[in-house]
Amino acid sequence: MPDLDDIRRTAAGLPGCEERTMTGGVAWFVRRKLFAWECHPWPSIPEDMRAIIAAELVVGVKVADRVDALALVEMEPDVFLRTTTAWNEPKVAFRMAGVDPAHLDELITEAWRTQAPKYLRREFDERTPAGRPG
């Protein structure tokens, strides 16, 4: 089962990435923009989702748009949560116990891409021809 150290390994290969400890857990930023975070069972989260987050490790990531988030939830409803917070930006949360390690790398890298400036994305792409951590 993947854990936060797996996210750390992927994040370590992403230019400009910074890990911070937040009130709700660990979070990852690129140039002060949040792209991945450990979910916390805040009271504002719907009760059924809050119960899942309280019982197991759940991570949230930024996605390119709401359609991407909905597609992930529809493809793997046992892994991706239908909703967490009322934030309006596109994001998705997933159960670490159910995510495939290769898919985890992709989710973290793509979340970073949504927030990273062009020059950092270019640096990453030049270093890794397939655009993936390697």
C-alpha atoms as a PDB file:
ATOM      1  CA  MET A   1       0.000   0.000   0.000  1.00  0.00           C
ATOM      2  CA  PRO A   2       1.441   3.402  -0.945  1.00  0.00           C
ATOM      3  CA  ASP A   3       2.083   5.892   1.839  1.00  0.00           C
ATOM      4  CA  LEU A   4       3.243   9.490   2.275  1.00  0.00           C
ATOM      5  CA  ASP A   5       6.859   8.442   1.684  1.00  0.00           C
ATOM      6  CA  ASP A   6       5.866   7.361  -1.832  1.00  0.00           C
ATOM      7  CA  ILE A   7       4.498  10.850  -2.452  1.00  0.00           C
ATOM      8  CA  ARG A   8       7.706  12.318  -1.013  1.00  0.00           C
ATOM      9  CA  ARG A   9       9.794  10.264  -3.463  1.00  0.00           C
ATOM     10  CA  THR A  10       7.768  11.473  -6.429  1.00  0.00           C
ATOM     11  CA  ALA A  11       7.708  15.064  -5.180  1.00  0.00           C
ATOM     12  CA  ALA A  12      11.488  15.039  -4.678  1.00  0.00           C
ATOM     13  CA  GLY A  13      11.882  14.741  -8.454  1.00  0.00           C
ATOM     14  CA  LEU A  14       9.654  17.729  -9.216  1.00  0.00           C
ATOM     15  CA  PRO A  15      11.437  21.081  -9.610  1.00  0.00           C
ATOM     16  CA  GLY A  16      10.501  23.748  -7.093  1.00  0.00           C
ATOM     17  CA  CYS A  17       8.582  21.330  -4.888  1.00  0.00           C
ATOM     18  CA  GLU A  18       8.385  22.089  -1.176  1.00  0.00           C
ATOM     19  CA  GLU A  19       6.850  19.966   1.577  1.00  0.00           C
ATOM     20  CA  ARG A  20       5.238  21.678   4.554  1.00  0.00           C
ATOM     21  CA  THR A  21       3.508  20.468   7.676  1.00  0.00           C
ATOM     22  CA  MET A  22       0.080  22.048   7.949  1.00  0.00           C
ATOM     23  CA  THR A  23      -2.645  21.920  10.602  1.00  0.00           C
ATOM     24  CA  GLY A  24      -4.366  19.042   8.790  1.00  0.00           C
ATOM     25  CA  GLY A  25      -1.200  17.113   7.884  1.00  0.00           C
ATOM     26  CA  VAL A  26       1.474  17.280   5.211  1.00  0.00           C
ATOM     27  CA  ALA A  27       1.125  19.329   2.029  1.00  0.00           C
ATOM     28  CA  TRP A  28       3.202  19.887  -1.103  1.00  0.00           C
ATOM     29  CA  PHE A  29       3.642  23.194  -2.887  1.00  0.00           C
ATOM     30  CA  VAL A  30       5.335  24.496  -6.004  1.00  0.00           C
ATOM     31  CA  ARG A  31       6.230  28.174  -5.822  1.00  0.00           C
ATOM     32  CA  ARG A  32       3.777  28.677  -2.943  1.00  0.00           C
ATOM     33  CA  LYS A  33       0.922  26.993  -4.821  1.00  0.00           C
ATOM     34  CA  LEU A  34      -0.638  23.949  -3.191  1.00  0.00           C
ATOM     35  CA  PHE A  35      -0.828  20.852  -5.393  1.00  0.00           C
ATOM     36  CA  ALA A  36      -1.164  17.850  -3.028  1.00  0.00           C
ATOM     37  CA  TRP A  37      -2.142  17.430   0.607  1.00  0.00           C
ATOM     38  CA  GLU A  38      -2.985  14.933   3.302  1.00  0.00           C
ATOM     39  CA  CYS A  39      -6.722  15.207   3.966  1.00  0.00           C
ATOM     40  CA  HIS A  40      -8.044  15.906   7.438  1.00  0.00           C
ATOM     41  CA  PRO A  41     -11.634  15.194   8.596  1.00  0.00           C
ATOM     42  CA  TRP A  42     -12.714  18.827   8.927  1.00  0.00           C
ATOM     43  CA  PRO A  43     -16.299  19.451  10.128  1.00  0.00           C
ATOM     44  CA  SER A  44     -17.133  21.143   6.794  1.00  0.00           C
ATOM     45  CA  ILE A  45     -16.615  17.879   4.892  1.00  0.00           C
ATOM     46  CA  PRO A  46     -19.756  15.781   4.297  1.00  0.00           C
ATOM     47  CA  GLU A  47     -20.192  13.241   7.105  1.00  0.00           C
ATOM     48  CA  ASP A  48     -19.782  10.094   4.970  1.00  0.00           C
ATOM     49  CA  MET A  49     -16.542  11.396   3.426  1.00  0.00           C
ATOM     50  CA  ARG A  50     -15.334  12.632   6.821  1.00  0.00           C
ATOM     51  CA  ALA A  51     -15.727   9.092   8.217  1.00  0.00           C
ATOM     52  CA  ILE A  52     -13.490   7.686   5.461  1.00  0.00           C
ATOM     53  CA  ILE A  53     -10.857  10.399   5.975  1.00  0.00           C
ATOM     54  CA  ALA A  54     -10.877   9.815   9.742  1.00  0.00           C
ATOM     55  CA  ALA A  55     -10.391   6.059   9.297  1.00  0.00           C
ATOM     56  CA  GLU A  56      -7.644   5.931   6.664  1.00  0.00           C
ATOM     57  CA  LEU A  57      -5.021   7.914   4.783  1.00  0.00           C
ATOM     58  CA  VAL A  58      -6.638  10.094   2.115  1.00  0.00           C
ATOM     59  CA  VAL A  59      -4.728  12.506  -0.118  1.00  0.00           C
ATOM     60  CA  GLY A  60      -6.079  15.357  -2.207  1.00  0.00           C
ATOM     61  CA  VAL A  61      -4.577  16.685  -5.433  1.00  0.00           C
ATOM     62  CA  LYS A  62      -5.273  19.489  -7.848  1.00  0.00           C
ATOM     63  CA  VAL A  63      -6.521  18.427 -11.272  1.00  0.00           C
ATOM     64  CA  ALA A  64      -6.718  20.309 -14.549  1.00  0.00           C
ATOM     65  CA  ASP A  65     -10.507  20.718 -14.424  1.00  0.00           C
ATOM     66  CA  ARG A  66     -13.676  19.350 -12.860  1.00  0.00           C
ATOM     67  CA  VAL A  67     -14.180  16.934 -15.754  1.00  0.00           C
ATOM     68  CA  ASP A  68     -10.904  15.202 -14.856  1.00  0.00           C
ATOM     69  CA  ALA A  69     -11.999  14.898 -11.224  1.00  0.00           C
ATOM     70  CA  LEU A  70     -15.397  13.483 -12.190  1.00  0.00           C
ATOM     71  CA  ALA A  71     -13.798  11.004 -14.601  1.00  0.00           C
ATOM     72  CA  LEU A  72     -11.510   9.667 -11.868  1.00  0.00           C
ATOM     73  CA  VAL A  73     -14.418   9.274  -9.440  1.00  0.00           C
ATOM     74  CA  GLU A  74     -16.508   7.478 -12.061  1.00  0.00           C
ATOM     75  CA  MET A  75     -13.644   5.168 -13.114  1.00  0.00           C
ATOM     76  CA  GLU A  76     -12.719   4.120  -9.565  1.00  0.00           C
ATOM     77  CA  PRO A  77     -15.453   5.115  -7.086  1.00  0.00           C
ATOM     78  CA  ASP A  78     -13.932   2.895  -4.382  1.00  0.00           C
ATOM     79  CA  VAL A  79     -10.648   4.825  -4.575  1.00  0.00           C
ATOM     80  CA  PHE A  80     -11.624   8.415  -5.433  1.00  0.00           C
ATOM     81  CA  LEU A  81     -13.972  10.291  -3.111  1.00  0.00           C
ATOM     82  CA  ARG A  82     -16.942  12.055  -4.668  1.00  0.00           C
ATOM     83  CA  THR A  83     -16.387  15.245  -2.668  1.00  0.00           C
ATOM     84  CA  THR A  84     -14.413  16.680   0.219  1.00  0.00           C
ATOM     85  CA  THR A  85     -14.438  20.435   0.723  1.00  0.00           C
ATOM     86  CA  ALA A  86     -16.560  23.130  -0.858  1.00  0.00           C
ATOM     87  CA  TRP A  87     -13.493  24.722  -2.474  1.00  0.00           C
ATOM     88  CA  ASN A  88     -14.359  25.747  -5.991  1.00  0.00           C
ATOM     89  CA  GLU A  89     -11.061  24.811  -7.612  1.00  0.00           C
ATOM     90  CA  PRO A  90     -10.776  21.464  -9.400  1.00  0.00           C
ATOM     91  CA  LYS A  91      -9.425  18.785  -7.089  1.00  0.00           C
ATOM     92  CA  VAL A  92      -9.927  15.163  -6.161  1.00  0.00           C
ATOM     93  CA  ALA A  93      -9.203  13.113  -3.048  1.00  0.00           C
ATOM     94  CA  PHE A  94      -8.289   9.455  -3.062  1.00  0.00           C
ATOM     95  CA  ARG A  95      -7.786   6.592  -0.645  1.00  0.00           C
ATOM     96  CA  MET A  96      -4.097   5.726  -0.518  1.00  0.00           C
ATOM     97  CA  ALA A  97      -4.909   2.096   0.292  1.00  0.00           C
ATOM     98  CA  GLY A  98      -6.644   1.690  -3.065  1.00  0.00           C
ATOM     99  CA  VAL A  99      -4.445   3.638  -5.441  1.00  0.00           C
ATOM    100  CA  ASP A 100      -1.980   1.848  -7.710  1.00  0.00           C
ATOM    101  CA  PRO A 101       1.617   3.062  -7.080  1.00  0.00           C
ATOM    102  CA  ALA A 102       2.144   3.954 -10.769  1.00  0.00           C
ATOM    103  CA  HIS A 103      -1.110   5.894 -10.807  1.00  0.00           C
ATOM    104  CA  LEU A 104      -0.034   7.677  -7.620  1.00  0.00           C
ATOM    105  CA  ASP A 105       3.115   8.939  -9.383  1.00  0.00           C
ATOM    106  CA  GLU A 106       0.972  10.183 -12.257  1.00  0.00           C
ATOM    107  CA  LEU A 107      -1.553  11.889  -9.963  1.00  0.00           C
ATOM    108  CA  ILE A 108       1.177  13.731  -8.031  1.00  0.00           C
ATOM    109  CA  THR A 109       3.083  14.725 -11.169  1.00  0.00           C
ATOM    110  CA  GLU A 110      -0.031  15.965 -12.953  1.00  0.00           C
ATOM    111  CA  ALA A 111      -1.146  17.885  -9.847  1.00  0.00           C
ATOM    112  CA  TRP A 112       2.286  19.551  -9.771  1.00  0.00           C
ATOM    113  CA  ARG A 113       1.903  20.421 -13.491  1.00  0.00           C
ATOM    114  CA  THR A 114      -1.399  22.212 -12.816  1.00  0.00           C
ATOM    115  CA  GLN A 115       0.368  24.600 -10.425  1.00  0.00           C
ATOM    116  CA  ALA A 116       3.963  24.798 -11.674  1.00  0.00           C
ATOM    117  CA  PRO A 117       5.055  27.754 -13.797  1.00  0.00           C
ATOM    118  CA  LYS A 118       5.996  27.043 -17.423  1.00  0.00           C
ATOM    119  CA  TYR A 119       9.735  27.319 -16.827  1.00  0.00           C
ATOM    120  CA  LEU A 120       9.630  24.569 -14.167  1.00  0.00           C
ATOM    121  CA  ARG A 121       7.468  22.315 -16.363  1.00  0.00           C
ATOM    122  CA  ARG A 122       9.943  22.849 -19.193  1.00  0.00           C
ATOM    123  CA  GLU A 123      12.875  22.045 -16.882  1.00  0.00           C
ATOM    124  CA  PHE A 124      11.158  18.848 -15.782  1.00  0.00           C
ATOM    125  CA  ASP A 125      10.283  17.819 -19.345  1.00  0.00           C
ATOM    126  CA  GLU A 126      13.852  18.400 -20.556  1.00  0.00           C
ATOM    127  CA  ARG A 127      15.204  16.276 -17.709  1.00  0.00           C
ATOM    128  CA  THR A 128      12.665  13.455 -18.145  1.00  0.00           C
ATOM    129  CA  PRO A 129      11.838  12.953 -21.843  1.00  0.00           C
ATOM    130  CA  ALA A 130       8.591  11.102 -21.145  1.00  0.00           C
ATOM    131  CA  GLY A 131       7.568  13.852 -18.698  1.00  0.00           C
ATOM    132  CA  ARG A 132       7.460  11.399 -15.801  1.00  0.00           C
ATOM    133  CA  PRO A 133       9.695  10.833 -12.805  1.00  0.00           C
ATOM    134  CA  GLY A 134      12.256   8.336 -13.736  1.00  0.00           C
END
